[in-house]
C-alpha atoms as a PDB file:
ATOM      1  CA  UNK A   1     -15.038  46.831-188.016  1.00  0.00           C
ATOM      2  CA  UNK A   2     -18.249  44.568-185.942  1.00  0.00           C
ATOM      3  CA  UNK A   3     -15.319  44.222-183.219  1.00  0.00           C
ATOM      4  CA  UNK A   4     -15.792  48.656-182.388  1.00  0.00           C
ATOM      5  CA  UNK A   5     -19.150  48.403-183.327  1.00  0.00           C
ATOM      6  CA  UNK A   6     -19.955  45.966-180.562  1.00  0.00           C
ATOM      7  CA  UNK A   7     -17.087  47.280-178.200  1.00  0.00           C
ATOM      8  CA  UNK A   8     -19.506  50.248-178.387  1.00  0.00           C
ATOM      9  CA  UNK A   9     -22.608  50.320-177.759  1.00  0.00           C
ATOM     10  CA  UNK A  10     -22.494  50.608-173.734  1.00  0.00           C
ATOM     11  CA  UNK A  11     -22.100  53.960-172.865  1.00  0.00           C
ATOM     12  CA  UNK A  12     -20.217  53.526-169.478  1.00  0.00           C
ATOM     13  CA  UNK A  13     -21.981  55.864-167.158  1.00  0.00           C
ATOM     14  CA  UNK A  14     -19.245  58.318-165.064  1.00  0.00           C
ATOM     15  CA  UNK A  15     -18.231  56.562-161.210  1.00  0.00           C
ATOM     16  CA  UNK A  16     -18.881  58.331-158.561  1.00  0.00           C
ATOM     17  CA  UNK A  17     -15.215  56.907-157.711  1.00  0.00           C
ATOM     18  CA  UNK A  18     -14.168  59.473-160.777  1.00  0.00           C
ATOM     19  CA  UNK A  19     -12.462  63.042-160.382  1.00  0.00           C
ATOM     20  CA  UNK A  20     -15.385  64.425-162.293  1.00  0.00           C
ATOM     21  CA  UNK A  21     -17.653  62.842-160.431  1.00  0.00           C
ATOM     22  CA  UNK A  22     -18.301  66.438-157.891  1.00  0.00           C
ATOM     23  CA  UNK A  23     -18.726  68.349-160.880  1.00  0.00           C
ATOM     24  CA  UNK A  24     -21.633  66.457-162.608  1.00  0.00           C
ATOM     25  CA  UNK A  25     -23.909  67.157-159.782  1.00  0.00           C
ATOM     26  CA  UNK A  26     -23.703  71.125-160.700  1.00  0.00           C
ATOM     27  CA  UNK A  27     -25.127  69.843-163.798  1.00  0.00           C
ATOM     28  CA  UNK A  28     -28.760  70.063-165.504  1.00  0.00           C
ATOM     29  CA  UNK A  29     -30.080  66.378-166.589  1.00  0.00           C
ATOM     30  CA  UNK A  30     -29.696  68.216-170.214  1.00  0.00           C
ATOM     31  CA  UNK A  31     -25.952  69.134-169.007  1.00  0.00           C
ATOM     32  CA  UNK A  32     -25.121  65.487-167.772  1.00  0.00           C
ATOM     33  CA  UNK A  33     -26.486  63.496-170.983  1.00  0.00           C
ATOM     34  CA  UNK A  34     -23.804  65.616-172.887  1.00  0.00           C
ATOM     35  CA  UNK A  35     -20.690  65.427-170.982  1.00  0.00           C
ATOM     36  CA  UNK A  36     -21.653  61.792-170.708  1.00  0.00           C
ATOM     37  CA  UNK A  37     -22.314  61.410-173.397  1.00  0.00           C
ATOM     38  CA  UNK A  38     -18.591  63.267-174.261  1.00  0.00           C
ATOM     39  CA  UNK A  39     -16.820  61.544-170.844  1.00  0.00           C
ATOM     40  CA  UNK A  40     -18.079  58.389-172.755  1.00  0.00           C
ATOM     41  CA  UNK A  41     -16.307  59.106-176.451  1.00  0.00           C
ATOM     42  CA  UNK A  42     -13.034  60.202-175.063  1.00  0.00           C
ATOM     43  CA  UNK A  43     -12.984  56.809-172.569  1.00  0.00           C
ATOM     44  CA  UNK A  44     -13.595  55.538-175.724  1.00  0.00           C
ATOM     45  CA  UNK A  45     -10.285  56.622-177.833  1.00  0.00           C
ATOM     46  CA  UNK A  46      -8.580  56.660-174.708  1.00  0.00           C
ATOM     47  CA  UNK A  47      -8.915  53.203-174.112  1.00  0.00           C
ATOM     48  CA  UNK A  48      -8.341  52.006-178.237  1.00  0.00           C
ATOM     49  CA  UNK A  49      -4.629  52.595-177.492  1.00  0.00           C
ATOM     50  CA  UNK A  50      -4.253  51.772-174.069  1.00  0.00           C
ATOM     51  CA  UNK A  51      -5.762  48.929-174.881  1.00  0.00           C
ATOM     52  CA  UNK A  52      -3.687  45.328-174.439  1.00  0.00           C
ATOM     53  CA  UNK A  53      -5.533  43.214-176.302  1.00  0.00           C
ATOM     54  CA  UNK A  54      -5.505  45.273-179.283  1.00  0.00           C
ATOM     55  CA  UNK A  55      -2.812  45.373-182.079  1.00  0.00           C
ATOM     56  CA  UNK A  56      -1.263  48.390-183.671  1.00  0.00           C
ATOM     57  CA  UNK A  57      -3.500  47.624-186.395  1.00  0.00           C
ATOM     58  CA  UNK A  58      -6.464  47.611-184.425  1.00  0.00           C
ATOM     59  CA  UNK A  59      -6.049  49.985-182.835  1.00  0.00           C
ATOM     60  CA  UNK A  60      -5.489  52.196-186.278  1.00  0.00           C
ATOM     61  CA  UNK A  61      -8.680  50.585-187.957  1.00  0.00           C
ATOM     62  CA  UNK A  62     -10.360  51.538-184.755  1.00  0.00           C
ATOM     63  CA  UNK A  63      -9.522  55.638-184.703  1.00  0.00           C
ATOM     64  CA  UNK A  64     -10.177  55.247-188.151  1.00  0.00           C
ATOM     65  CA  UNK A  65     -13.416  53.984-187.837  1.00  0.00           C
ATOM     66  CA  UNK A  66     -14.895  56.565-185.365  1.00  0.00           C
ATOM     67  CA  UNK A  67     -12.378  59.188-187.088  1.00  0.00           C
ATOM     68  CA  UNK A  68     -16.083  58.367-190.239  1.00  0.00           C
ATOM     69  CA  UNK A  69     -17.734  58.028-187.363  1.00  0.00           C
ATOM     70  CA  UNK A  70     -17.722  61.329-186.395  1.00  0.00           C
ATOM     71  CA  UNK A  71     -18.151  62.162-190.507  1.00  0.00           C
ATOM     72  CA  UNK A  72     -22.158  60.407-189.896  1.00  0.00           C
ATOM     73  CA  UNK A  73     -22.678  62.180-186.677  1.00  0.00           C
ATOM     74  CA  UNK A  74     -22.576  65.365-187.860  1.00  0.00           C
ATOM     75  CA  UNK A  75     -24.423  64.681-190.787  1.00  0.00           C
ATOM     76  CA  UNK A  76     -27.258  62.831-188.183  1.00  0.00           C
ATOM     77  CA  UNK A  77     -26.867  59.738-189.325  1.00  0.00           C
ATOM     78  CA  UNK A  78     -24.584  57.290-186.331  1.00  0.00           C
ATOM     79  CA  UNK A  79     -25.296  54.027-185.810  1.00  0.00           C
ATOM     80  CA  UNK A  80     -23.829  53.754-182.694  1.00  0.00           C
ATOM     81  CA  UNK A  81     -26.485  54.316-179.216  1.00  0.00           C
ATOM     82  CA  UNK A  82     -23.430  56.704-178.499  1.00  0.00           C
ATOM     83  CA  UNK A  83     -23.237  58.398-181.671  1.00  0.00           C
ATOM     84  CA  UNK A  84     -26.981  58.253-181.402  1.00  0.00           C
ATOM     85  CA  UNK A  85     -26.369  60.202-177.931  1.00  0.00           C
ATOM     86  CA  UNK A  86     -23.454  62.948-179.341  1.00  0.00           C
ATOM     87  CA  UNK A  87     -26.448  63.851-182.038  1.00  0.00           C
ATOM     88  CA  UNK A  88     -28.600  64.486-178.534  1.00  0.00           C
ATOM     89  CA  UNK A  89     -26.338  66.712-177.636  1.00  0.00           C
ATOM     90  CA  UNK A  90     -25.627  68.117-180.895  1.00  0.00           C
ATOM     91  CA  UNK A  91     -29.466  69.479-180.399  1.00  0.00           C
ATOM     92  CA  UNK A  92     -28.429  71.429-177.519  1.00  0.00           C
ATOM     93  CA  UNK A  93     -24.662  71.962-177.859  1.00  0.00           C
ATOM     94  CA  UNK A  94     -22.952  74.421-180.008  1.00  0.00           C
ATOM     95  CA  UNK A  95     -20.040  71.586-179.298  1.00  0.00           C
ATOM     96  CA  UNK A  96     -17.623  71.688-181.998  1.00  0.00           C
ATOM     97  CA  UNK A  97     -16.543  68.952-184.574  1.00  0.00           C
ATOM     98  CA  UNK A  98     -12.512  69.728-185.260  1.00  0.00           C
ATOM     99  CA  UNK A  99     -12.483  68.517-181.144  1.00  0.00           C
ATOM    100  CA  UNK A 100     -13.849  65.190-181.164  1.00  0.00           C
ATOM    101  CA  UNK A 101     -11.360  64.783-184.103  1.00  0.00           C
ATOM    102  CA  UNK A 102      -8.541  66.695-182.383  1.00  0.00           C
ATOM    103  CA  UNK A 103      -8.808  64.011-179.510  1.00  0.00           C
ATOM    104  CA  UNK A 104      -8.270  60.804-182.091  1.00  0.00           C
ATOM    105  CA  UNK A 105      -5.506  62.630-183.102  1.00  0.00           C
ATOM    106  CA  UNK A 106      -3.981  63.444-179.700  1.00  0.00           C
ATOM    107  CA  UNK A 107      -4.532  59.823-178.337  1.00  0.00           C
ATOM    108  CA  UNK A 108      -3.190  58.170-182.342  1.00  0.00           C
ATOM    109  CA  UNK A 109      -0.069  60.211-180.971  1.00  0.00           C
ATOM    110  CA  UNK A 110       0.538  57.120-178.497  1.00  0.00           C
ATOM    111  CA  UNK A 111       1.251  54.602-181.306  1.00  0.00           C
ATOM    112  CA  UNK A 112       3.316  57.213-183.105  1.00  0.00           C
ATOM    113  CA  UNK A 113       5.703  58.306-180.355  1.00  0.00           C
ATOM    114  CA  UNK A 114       7.293  57.061-177.090  1.00  0.00           C
ATOM    115  CA  UNK A 115       8.718  59.970-175.749  1.00  0.00           C
ATOM    116  CA  UNK A 116       9.561  63.501-176.136  1.00  0.00           C
ATOM    117  CA  UNK A 117      13.052  65.277-177.084  1.00  0.00           C
ATOM    118  CA  UNK A 118      10.771  69.423-175.565  1.00  0.00           C
ATOM    119  CA  UNK A 119       7.805  70.945-174.249  1.00  0.00           C
ATOM    120  CA  UNK A 120       7.350  72.160-177.515  1.00  0.00           C
ATOM    121  CA  UNK A 121       6.924  68.691-179.314  1.00  0.00           C
ATOM    122  CA  UNK A 122       4.294  68.114-175.906  1.00  0.00           C
ATOM    123  CA  UNK A 123       2.648  70.027-176.622  1.00  0.00           C
ATOM    124  CA  UNK A 124       0.933  68.992-179.695  1.00  0.00           C
ATOM    125  CA  UNK A 125      -0.366  65.767-176.919  1.00  0.00           C
ATOM    126  CA  UNK A 126      -1.713  67.535-174.495  1.00  0.00           C
ATOM    127  CA  UNK A 127      -3.956  70.099-176.714  1.00  0.00           C
ATOM    128  CA  UNK A 128      -5.650  67.303-178.333  1.00  0.00           C
ATOM    129  CA  UNK A 129      -6.253  64.750-175.629  1.00  0.00           C
ATOM    130  CA  UNK A 130      -6.731  67.040-172.774  1.00  0.00           C
ATOM    131  CA  UNK A 131      -7.208  70.440-173.799  1.00  0.00           C
ATOM    132  CA  UNK A 132      -9.391  68.879-176.412  1.00  0.00           C
ATOM    133  CA  UNK A 133     -12.461  67.706-173.829  1.00  0.00           C
ATOM    134  CA  UNK A 134     -12.050  71.365-172.774  1.00  0.00           C
ATOM    135  CA  UNK A 135     -12.769  72.771-175.619  1.00  0.00           C
ATOM    136  CA  UNK A 136     -16.017  70.449-175.250  1.00  0.00           C
ATOM    137  CA  UNK A 137     -17.205  70.540-171.893  1.00  0.00           C
ATOM    138  CA  UNK A 138     -16.868  74.021-171.204  1.00  0.00           C
ATOM    139  CA  UNK A 139     -20.185  74.638-174.217  1.00  0.00           C
ATOM    140  CA  UNK A 140     -22.142  71.841-172.157  1.00  0.00           C
ATOM    141  CA  UNK A 141     -21.432  74.360-168.911  1.00  0.00           C
ATOM    142  CA  UNK A 142     -21.640  77.700-171.093  1.00  0.00           C
ATOM    143  CA  UNK A 143     -19.679  80.905-170.930  1.00  0.00           C
ATOM    144  CA  UNK A 144     -20.909  84.718-171.755  1.00  0.00           C
ATOM    145  CA  UNK A 145     -18.344  87.135-171.207  1.00  0.00           C
ATOM    146  CA  UNK A 146     -14.895  85.263-172.168  1.00  0.00           C
ATOM    147  CA  UNK A 147     -14.271  86.620-175.447  1.00  0.00           C
ATOM    148  CA  UNK A 148     -12.623  83.864-177.948  1.00  0.00           C
ATOM    149  CA  UNK A 149      -9.394  84.803-177.099  1.00  0.00           C
ATOM    150  CA  UNK A 150     -10.098  84.273-173.241  1.00  0.00           C
ATOM    151  CA  UNK A 151     -11.763  80.632-173.606  1.00  0.00           C
ATOM    152  CA  UNK A 152      -8.760  79.278-175.272  1.00  0.00           C
ATOM    153  CA  UNK A 153      -6.332  80.813-172.753  1.00  0.00           C
ATOM    154  CA  UNK A 154      -8.743  78.558-170.212  1.00  0.00           C
ATOM    155  CA  UNK A 155      -9.117  75.178-171.937  1.00  0.00           C
ATOM    156  CA  UNK A 156      -5.534  75.373-173.373  1.00  0.00           C
ATOM    157  CA  UNK A 157      -4.434  76.404-169.809  1.00  0.00           C
ATOM    158  CA  UNK A 158      -6.540  73.615-167.465  1.00  0.00           C
ATOM    159  CA  UNK A 159      -6.245  70.960-170.756  1.00  0.00           C
ATOM    160  CA  UNK A 160      -2.555  71.329-170.114  1.00  0.00           C
ATOM    161  CA  UNK A 161      -2.444  71.622-166.440  1.00  0.00           C
ATOM    162  CA  UNK A 162      -4.434  68.682-166.382  1.00  0.00           C
ATOM    163  CA  UNK A 163      -3.234  66.231-168.217  1.00  0.00           C
ATOM    164  CA  UNK A 164       0.682  67.778-166.421  1.00  0.00           C
ATOM    165  CA  UNK A 165      -1.068  65.846-163.675  1.00  0.00           C
ATOM    166  CA  UNK A 166      -1.988  62.475-164.841  1.00  0.00           C
ATOM    167  CA  UNK A 167       1.888  62.380-165.827  1.00  0.00           C
ATOM    168  CA  UNK A 168       3.484  63.294-163.109  1.00  0.00           C
ATOM    169  CA  UNK A 169       0.895  60.800-161.304  1.00  0.00           C
ATOM    170  CA  UNK A 170       1.577  58.277-163.868  1.00  0.00           C
ATOM    171  CA  UNK A 171       5.519  58.023-164.149  1.00  0.00           C
ATOM    172  CA  UNK A 172       5.090  54.159-163.177  1.00  0.00           C
ATOM    173  CA  UNK A 173       2.615  53.001-165.204  1.00  0.00           C
ATOM    174  CA  UNK A 174       3.861  54.526-168.358  1.00  0.00           C
ATOM    175  CA  UNK A 175       6.888  53.580-167.852  1.00  0.00           C
ATOM    176  CA  UNK A 176       5.357  50.104-167.639  1.00  0.00           C
ATOM    177  CA  UNK A 177       3.038  51.301-171.348  1.00  0.00           C
ATOM    178  CA  UNK A 178       6.423  51.728-172.738  1.00  0.00           C
ATOM    179  CA  UNK A 179       5.750  55.101-172.692  1.00  0.00           C
ATOM    180  CA  UNK A 180       7.887  58.562-171.575  1.00  0.00           C
ATOM    181  CA  UNK A 181       5.763  62.136-171.622  1.00  0.00           C
ATOM    182  CA  UNK A 182       8.805  63.791-169.388  1.00  0.00           C
ATOM    183  CA  UNK A 183      10.203  65.897-172.164  1.00  0.00           C
ATOM    184  CA  UNK A 184      13.831  64.990-171.615  1.00  0.00           C
ATOM    185  CA  UNK A 185      15.030  68.930-171.798  1.00  0.00           C
ATOM    186  CA  UNK A 186      12.982  68.462-168.798  1.00  0.00           C
ATOM    187  CA  UNK A 187      15.388  66.318-167.177  1.00  0.00           C
ATOM    188  CA  UNK A 188      18.092  68.011-168.636  1.00  0.00           C
ATOM    189  CA  UNK A 189      17.609  71.209-166.877  1.00  0.00           C
ATOM    190  CA  UNK A 190      17.502  69.190-164.247  1.00  0.00           C
ATOM    191  CA  UNK A 191      21.014  66.786-164.684  1.00  0.00           C
ATOM    192  CA  UNK A 192      18.233  63.498-164.710  1.00  0.00           C
ATOM    193  CA  UNK A 193      19.140  61.298-167.238  1.00  0.00           C
ATOM    194  CA  UNK A 194      16.332  58.872-169.312  1.00  0.00           C
ATOM    195  CA  UNK A 195      18.721  56.500-168.677  1.00  0.00           C
ATOM    196  CA  UNK A 196      18.239  57.067-164.713  1.00  0.00           C
ATOM    197  CA  UNK A 197      13.809  57.178-164.849  1.00  0.00           C
ATOM    198  CA  UNK A 198      13.726  53.305-167.556  1.00  0.00           C
ATOM    199  CA  UNK A 199      15.839  52.394-164.218  1.00  0.00           C
ATOM    200  CA  UNK A 200      13.286  53.926-162.009  1.00  0.00           C
ATOM    201  CA  UNK A 201      15.423  56.030-160.043  1.00  0.00           C
ATOM    202  CA  UNK A 202      14.204  58.294-157.039  1.00  0.00           C
ATOM    203  CA  UNK A 203      17.469  60.175-156.570  1.00  0.00           C
ATOM    204  CA  UNK A 204      17.602  64.525-155.468  1.00  0.00           C
ATOM    205  CA  UNK A 205      17.847  65.380-159.688  1.00  0.00           C
ATOM    206  CA  UNK A 206      14.386  63.759-159.975  1.00  0.00           C
ATOM    207  CA  UNK A 207      13.320  65.143-157.111  1.00  0.00           C
ATOM    208  CA  UNK A 208      14.750  68.495-158.442  1.00  0.00           C
ATOM    209  CA  UNK A 209      12.933  67.726-162.132  1.00  0.00           C
ATOM    210  CA  UNK A 210       9.339  67.082-160.283  1.00  0.00           C
ATOM    211  CA  UNK A 211       9.947  70.065-158.293  1.00  0.00           C
ATOM    212  CA  UNK A 212      10.269  72.009-161.624  1.00  0.00           C
ATOM    213  CA  UNK A 213       7.646  70.359-163.431  1.00  0.00           C
ATOM    214  CA  UNK A 214       5.517  70.828-160.225  1.00  0.00           C
ATOM    215  CA  UNK A 215       6.002  74.299-160.351  1.00  0.00           C
ATOM    216  CA  UNK A 216       5.215  74.771-163.916  1.00  0.00           C
ATOM    217  CA  UNK A 217       1.998  72.977-163.996  1.00  0.00           C
ATOM    218  CA  UNK A 218       0.718  75.226-161.360  1.00  0.00           C
ATOM    219  CA  UNK A 219       1.092  78.624-163.422  1.00  0.00           C
ATOM    220  CA  UNK A 220      -0.866  76.312-166.514  1.00  0.00           C
ATOM    221  CA  UNK A 221      -4.257  76.481-163.779  1.00  0.00           C
ATOM    222  CA  UNK A 222      -3.304  80.135-162.543  1.00  0.00           C
ATOM    223  CA  UNK A 223      -2.988  81.311-165.891  1.00  0.00           C
ATOM    224  CA  UNK A 224      -6.108  79.403-166.975  1.00  0.00           C
ATOM    225  CA  UNK A 225      -7.998  81.768-163.856  1.00  0.00           C
ATOM    226  CA  UNK A 226      -6.376  84.750-164.395  1.00  0.00           C
ATOM    227  CA  UNK A 227      -7.728  84.368-168.022  1.00  0.00           C
ATOM    228  CA  UNK A 228     -11.401  83.680-167.266  1.00  0.00           C
ATOM    229  CA  UNK A 229     -14.088  86.682-166.746  1.00  0.00           C
ATOM    230  CA  UNK A 230     -14.409  86.462-163.177  1.00  0.00           C
ATOM    231  CA  UNK A 231     -18.762  86.662-164.674  1.00  0.00           C
ATOM    232  CA  UNK A 232     -18.129  83.132-166.229  1.00  0.00           C
ATOM    233  CA  UNK A 233     -17.322  80.630-162.940  1.00  0.00           C
ATOM    234  CA  UNK A 234     -21.046  80.612-161.684  1.00  0.00           C
ATOM    235  CA  UNK A 235     -21.625  78.349-164.914  1.00  0.00           C
ATOM    236  CA  UNK A 236     -18.184  76.467-165.775  1.00  0.00           C
ATOM    237  CA  UNK A 237     -18.202  76.509-161.950  1.00  0.00           C
ATOM    238  CA  UNK A 238     -18.019  71.908-162.638  1.00  0.00           C
ATOM    239  CA  UNK A 239     -14.472  72.329-164.539  1.00  0.00           C
ATOM    240  CA  UNK A 240     -13.407  74.299-161.621  1.00  0.00           C
ATOM    241  CA  UNK A 241     -14.752  71.821-159.348  1.00  0.00           C
ATOM    242  CA  UNK A 242     -12.806  69.129-161.450  1.00  0.00           C
ATOM    243  CA  UNK A 243      -8.700  71.678-161.247  1.00  0.00           C
ATOM    244  CA  UNK A 244      -9.216  71.519-158.239  1.00  0.00           C
ATOM    245  CA  UNK A 245      -9.193  68.111-157.324  1.00  0.00           C
ATOM    246  CA  UNK A 246      -7.152  67.690-160.130  1.00  0.00           C
ATOM    247  CA  UNK A 247      -4.418  70.385-158.196  1.00  0.00           C
ATOM    248  CA  UNK A 248      -5.841  68.302-155.195  1.00  0.00           C
ATOM    249  CA  UNK A 249      -3.621  65.353-156.940  1.00  0.00           C
ATOM    250  CA  UNK A 250      -0.792  67.401-157.827  1.00  0.00           C
ATOM    251  CA  UNK A 251      -0.594  69.067-154.304  1.00  0.00           C
ATOM    252  CA  UNK A 252      -0.727  65.384-153.125  1.00  0.00           C
ATOM    253  CA  UNK A 253       2.216  64.111-155.129  1.00  0.00           C
ATOM    254  CA  UNK A 254       4.375  67.039-154.182  1.00  0.00           C
ATOM    255  CA  UNK A 255       3.400  65.877-151.030  1.00  0.00           C
ATOM    256  CA  UNK A 256       4.400  62.318-151.442  1.00  0.00           C
ATOM    257  CA  UNK A 257       7.246  63.905-152.209  1.00  0.00           C
ATOM    258  CA  UNK A 258       6.750  61.879-155.595  1.00  0.00           C
ATOM    259  CA  UNK A 259       7.200  58.571-155.344  1.00  0.00           C
ATOM    260  CA  UNK A 260       5.429  57.961-158.577  1.00  0.00           C
ATOM    261  CA  UNK A 261       7.287  55.065-159.410  1.00  0.00           C
ATOM    262  CA  UNK A 262       5.923  52.538-158.000  1.00  0.00           C
ATOM    263  CA  UNK A 263       2.201  53.627-156.731  1.00  0.00           C
ATOM    264  CA  UNK A 264      -0.370  56.026-157.284  1.00  0.00           C
ATOM    265  CA  UNK A 265      -1.616  58.638-155.752  1.00  0.00           C
ATOM    266  CA  UNK A 266      -5.434  59.469-155.228  1.00  0.00           C
ATOM    267  CA  UNK A 267      -7.194  61.672-153.111  1.00  0.00           C
ATOM    268  CA  UNK A 268     -10.169  60.547-150.561  1.00  0.00           C
ATOM    269  CA  UNK A 269     -13.308  60.682-150.960  1.00  0.00           C
ATOM    270  CA  UNK A 270     -13.583  63.232-148.359  1.00  0.00           C
ATOM    271  CA  UNK A 271     -10.166  65.004-149.602  1.00  0.00           C
ATOM    272  CA  UNK A 272     -11.971  64.991-152.912  1.00  0.00           C
ATOM    273  CA  UNK A 273     -15.365  67.262-151.508  1.00  0.00           C
ATOM    274  CA  UNK A 274     -14.117  69.843-149.804  1.00  0.00           C
ATOM    275  CA  UNK A 275     -12.259  71.152-152.007  1.00  0.00           C
ATOM    276  CA  UNK A 276     -15.773  70.662-154.674  1.00  0.00           C
ATOM    277  CA  UNK A 277     -16.458  73.063-151.775  1.00  0.00           C
ATOM    278  CA  UNK A 278     -13.443  75.324-151.785  1.00  0.00           C
ATOM    279  CA  UNK A 279     -14.848  74.656-155.883  1.00  0.00           C
ATOM    280  CA  UNK A 280     -17.970  76.185-154.898  1.00  0.00           C
ATOM    281  CA  UNK A 281     -16.737  79.168-152.704  1.00  0.00           C
ATOM    282  CA  UNK A 282     -13.846  80.029-155.129  1.00  0.00           C
ATOM    283  CA  UNK A 283     -16.831  80.722-157.888  1.00  0.00           C
ATOM    284  CA  UNK A 284     -19.380  82.701-155.929  1.00  0.00           C
ATOM    285  CA  UNK A 285     -15.697  85.012-154.811  1.00  0.00           C
ATOM    286  CA  UNK A 286     -15.043  84.138-151.334  1.00  0.00           C
END
């Protein structure tokens, strides 16, 4: 697997334009190292599936390589520089092994499915590509008061919220890749069809569909905040900053009347800073 090794030796750095960057500012150096390693791993797994230059066979080989590599990492025998960074993170934080495998499983679904019938069918994908990241991240941020059940609801809800925001933002890009993440049952409820989606028809039915998915996603953000013990807000502030930024993107999509077929909604650095400040106030009880 030389092709995998050479492509993963360099550890990607968090870019200042990233929606996650502001959350990094409130972390200690040890936490930043660990989160950088986790996000680098997640990006590599995602890129293995999304890289147009790779065949499906190469993508599956890459995922299998990382399944074996994660086992080696947890045994303290990783073979790559990124593996050693993850090993270093494991010495400082109780990162769950299963979450690393869950990320692989979620991304692998993109090789097996191009569309989903119901929201229940989509949920395993949301857990794989998003909830897994949250499960790793909260162990780095730290939490003390929330129960195991509360933390599960927190990571599940925020994971669903983040990924649904991505799905609504990236409808056009995903269509170009031959992927549809909006469940067909949700389309049917709004009187919209898969054929209309493939033709990128923005009509009243599409707006009803997006409005309903916007409401569903807003609900996930609320559920995540409700689940958390308020005494853990300060340590989990990076997660709340990310949530404020992502929810800001979601609201911007609505503000632009859900024109997502030919453009991708982004926020200016100033808006991100403003949302980060609101998150800081929220976590401080204001």
